[in-house]
Amino acid sequence: MNYKAIGVMSGSSLDGIDIVYAHFASKGPHWDYEIVASQCIPYPDAWKNKLLHATTYNAYEYLLLHVDYGKYLGEVVKKFISENGLDY
């Protein structure tokens, strides 16, 4: 079977969002892969500050951050797809 996937991660250094688009192919018990596109997208200062101070938020503020961050990641992924011609 063949799979196409986008992976997104951010570490505790808050340097940015790492994003990759890869193809995976199952060859019996083994897997092959190809990294088609990848990028590290630096956080804007506003996002870096929000994430840096997240441990000081109350539960409501943290939930709002969670929702806003999910929307932000969606925008980043959408832009990555567009810029790399992956929207086929």
C-alpha atoms as a PDB file:
ATOM      1  CA  MET A   1       0.000   0.000   0.000  1.00  0.00           C
ATOM      2  CA  ASN A   2       1.042   3.568  -0.626  1.00  0.00           C
ATOM      3  CA  TYR A   3       0.413   6.433   1.766  1.00  0.00           C
ATOM      4  CA  LYS A   4       0.918  10.179   1.629  1.00  0.00           C
ATOM      5  CA  ALA A   5       1.232  12.074   4.903  1.00  0.00           C
ATOM      6  CA  ILE A   6       1.931  15.496   6.329  1.00  0.00           C
ATOM      7  CA  GLY A   7       3.605  15.563   9.734  1.00  0.00           C
ATOM      8  CA  VAL A   8       3.724  18.602  11.989  1.00  0.00           C
ATOM      9  CA  MET A   9       5.650  19.113  15.220  1.00  0.00           C
ATOM     10  CA  SER A  10       7.036  21.779  17.476  1.00  0.00           C
ATOM     11  CA  GLY A  11       9.491  21.249  20.274  1.00  0.00           C
ATOM     12  CA  SER A  12      10.049  22.974  23.582  1.00  0.00           C
ATOM     13  CA  SER A  13      12.663  25.325  22.078  1.00  0.00           C
ATOM     14  CA  LEU A  14       9.819  27.246  20.378  1.00  0.00           C
ATOM     15  CA  ASP A  15      11.996  27.918  17.350  1.00  0.00           C
ATOM     16  CA  GLY A  16       9.150  27.093  15.009  1.00  0.00           C
ATOM     17  CA  ILE A  17       6.943  24.483  13.399  1.00  0.00           C
ATOM     18  CA  ASP A  18       8.603  21.599  11.586  1.00  0.00           C
ATOM     19  CA  ILE A  19       6.481  20.274   8.753  1.00  0.00           C
ATOM     20  CA  VAL A  20       7.101  17.455   6.283  1.00  0.00           C
ATOM     21  CA  TYR A  21       5.234  15.848   3.396  1.00  0.00           C
ATOM     22  CA  ALA A  22       6.265  12.249   2.734  1.00  0.00           C
ATOM     23  CA  HIS A  23       5.274   9.199   0.712  1.00  0.00           C
ATOM     24  CA  PHE A  24       5.325   5.762   2.345  1.00  0.00           C
ATOM     25  CA  ALA A  25       5.138   2.393   0.618  1.00  0.00           C
ATOM     26  CA  SER A  26       4.652  -0.987   2.242  1.00  0.00           C
ATOM     27  CA  LYS A  27       6.906  -3.661   0.748  1.00  0.00           C
ATOM     28  CA  GLY A  28       5.856  -6.760   2.667  1.00  0.00           C
ATOM     29  CA  PRO A  29       7.313  -6.436   6.164  1.00  0.00           C
ATOM     30  CA  HIS A  30       9.428  -3.434   5.108  1.00  0.00           C
ATOM     31  CA  TRP A  31       8.604   0.192   4.432  1.00  0.00           C
ATOM     32  CA  ASP A  32      10.122   2.634   1.956  1.00  0.00           C
ATOM     33  CA  TYR A  33       9.694   6.366   2.289  1.00  0.00           C
ATOM     34  CA  GLU A  34      10.463   9.551   0.398  1.00  0.00           C
ATOM     35  CA  ILE A  35      10.488  13.027   1.902  1.00  0.00           C
ATOM     36  CA  VAL A  36       8.910  15.164  -0.801  1.00  0.00           C
ATOM     37  CA  ALA A  37       8.948  18.552   0.959  1.00  0.00           C
ATOM     38  CA  SER A  38       9.940  19.866   4.370  1.00  0.00           C
ATOM     39  CA  GLN A  39      10.253  23.204   6.084  1.00  0.00           C
ATOM     40  CA  CYS A  40      10.823  24.821   9.471  1.00  0.00           C
ATOM     41  CA  ILE A  41       8.496  27.779   9.868  1.00  0.00           C
ATOM     42  CA  PRO A  42       9.633  30.197  12.587  1.00  0.00           C
ATOM     43  CA  TYR A  43       7.031  31.347  15.090  1.00  0.00           C
ATOM     44  CA  PRO A  44       5.979  34.980  14.896  1.00  0.00           C
ATOM     45  CA  ASP A  45       6.827  36.774  18.154  1.00  0.00           C
ATOM     46  CA  ALA A  46       3.176  36.866  19.216  1.00  0.00           C
ATOM     47  CA  TRP A  47       2.835  33.070  18.997  1.00  0.00           C
ATOM     48  CA  LYS A  48       6.175  32.468  20.638  1.00  0.00           C
ATOM     49  CA  ASN A  49       5.078  34.605  23.610  1.00  0.00           C
ATOM     50  CA  LYS A  50       1.676  32.909  23.875  1.00  0.00           C
ATOM     51  CA  LEU A  51       3.255  29.459  23.950  1.00  0.00           C
ATOM     52  CA  LEU A  52       6.062  30.501  26.274  1.00  0.00           C
ATOM     53  CA  HIS A  53       3.557  31.738  28.863  1.00  0.00           C
ATOM     54  CA  ALA A  54       0.991  28.950  28.443  1.00  0.00           C
ATOM     55  CA  THR A  55       1.860  27.437  31.827  1.00  0.00           C
ATOM     56  CA  THR A  56       0.575  30.595  33.539  1.00  0.00           C
ATOM     57  CA  TYR A  57      -2.872  30.453  31.918  1.00  0.00           C
ATOM     58  CA  ASN A  58      -6.004  29.459  33.770  1.00  0.00           C
ATOM     59  CA  ALA A  59      -8.064  26.581  32.361  1.00  0.00           C
ATOM     60  CA  TYR A  60     -10.277  28.823  30.218  1.00  0.00           C
ATOM     61  CA  GLU A  61      -7.331  30.742  28.738  1.00  0.00           C
ATOM     62  CA  TYR A  62      -5.559  27.443  28.046  1.00  0.00           C
ATOM     63  CA  LEU A  63      -8.572  26.059  26.194  1.00  0.00           C
ATOM     64  CA  LEU A  64      -8.749  29.219  24.075  1.00  0.00           C
ATOM     65  CA  LEU A  65      -5.040  28.857  23.300  1.00  0.00           C
ATOM     66  CA  HIS A  66      -5.604  25.224  22.334  1.00  0.00           C
ATOM     67  CA  VAL A  67      -8.321  26.177  19.836  1.00  0.00           C
ATOM     68  CA  ASP A  68      -6.391  29.158  18.434  1.00  0.00           C
ATOM     69  CA  TYR A  69      -3.208  27.101  18.066  1.00  0.00           C
ATOM     70  CA  GLY A  70      -5.102  24.404  16.171  1.00  0.00           C
ATOM     71  CA  LYS A  71      -6.440  27.030  13.782  1.00  0.00           C
ATOM     72  CA  TYR A  72      -2.951  28.504  13.389  1.00  0.00           C
ATOM     73  CA  LEU A  73      -1.468  25.080  12.573  1.00  0.00           C
ATOM     74  CA  GLY A  74      -4.218  24.555  10.004  1.00  0.00           C
ATOM     75  CA  GLU A  75      -3.301  27.839   8.325  1.00  0.00           C
ATOM     76  CA  VAL A  76       0.400  26.901   8.326  1.00  0.00           C
ATOM     77  CA  VAL A  77      -0.332  23.491   6.778  1.00  0.00           C
ATOM     78  CA  LYS A  78      -2.645  25.014   4.164  1.00  0.00           C
ATOM     79  CA  LYS A  79       0.071  27.500   3.156  1.00  0.00           C
ATOM     80  CA  PHE A  80       2.695  24.707   3.052  1.00  0.00           C
ATOM     81  CA  ILE A  81       0.444  22.650   0.770  1.00  0.00           C
ATOM     82  CA  SER A  82      -0.121  25.603  -1.550  1.00  0.00           C
ATOM     83  CA  GLU A  83       3.520  26.725  -1.671  1.00  0.00           C
ATOM     84  CA  ASN A  84       4.728  23.199  -2.468  1.00  0.00           C
ATOM     85  CA  GLY A  85       2.083  22.442  -5.105  1.00  0.00           C
ATOM     86  CA  LEU A  86       0.628  19.595  -3.047  1.00  0.00           C
ATOM     87  CA  ASP A  87      -2.997  20.582  -3.548  1.00  0.00           C
ATOM     88  CA  TYR A  88      -3.672  18.168  -6.373  1.00  0.00           C
END
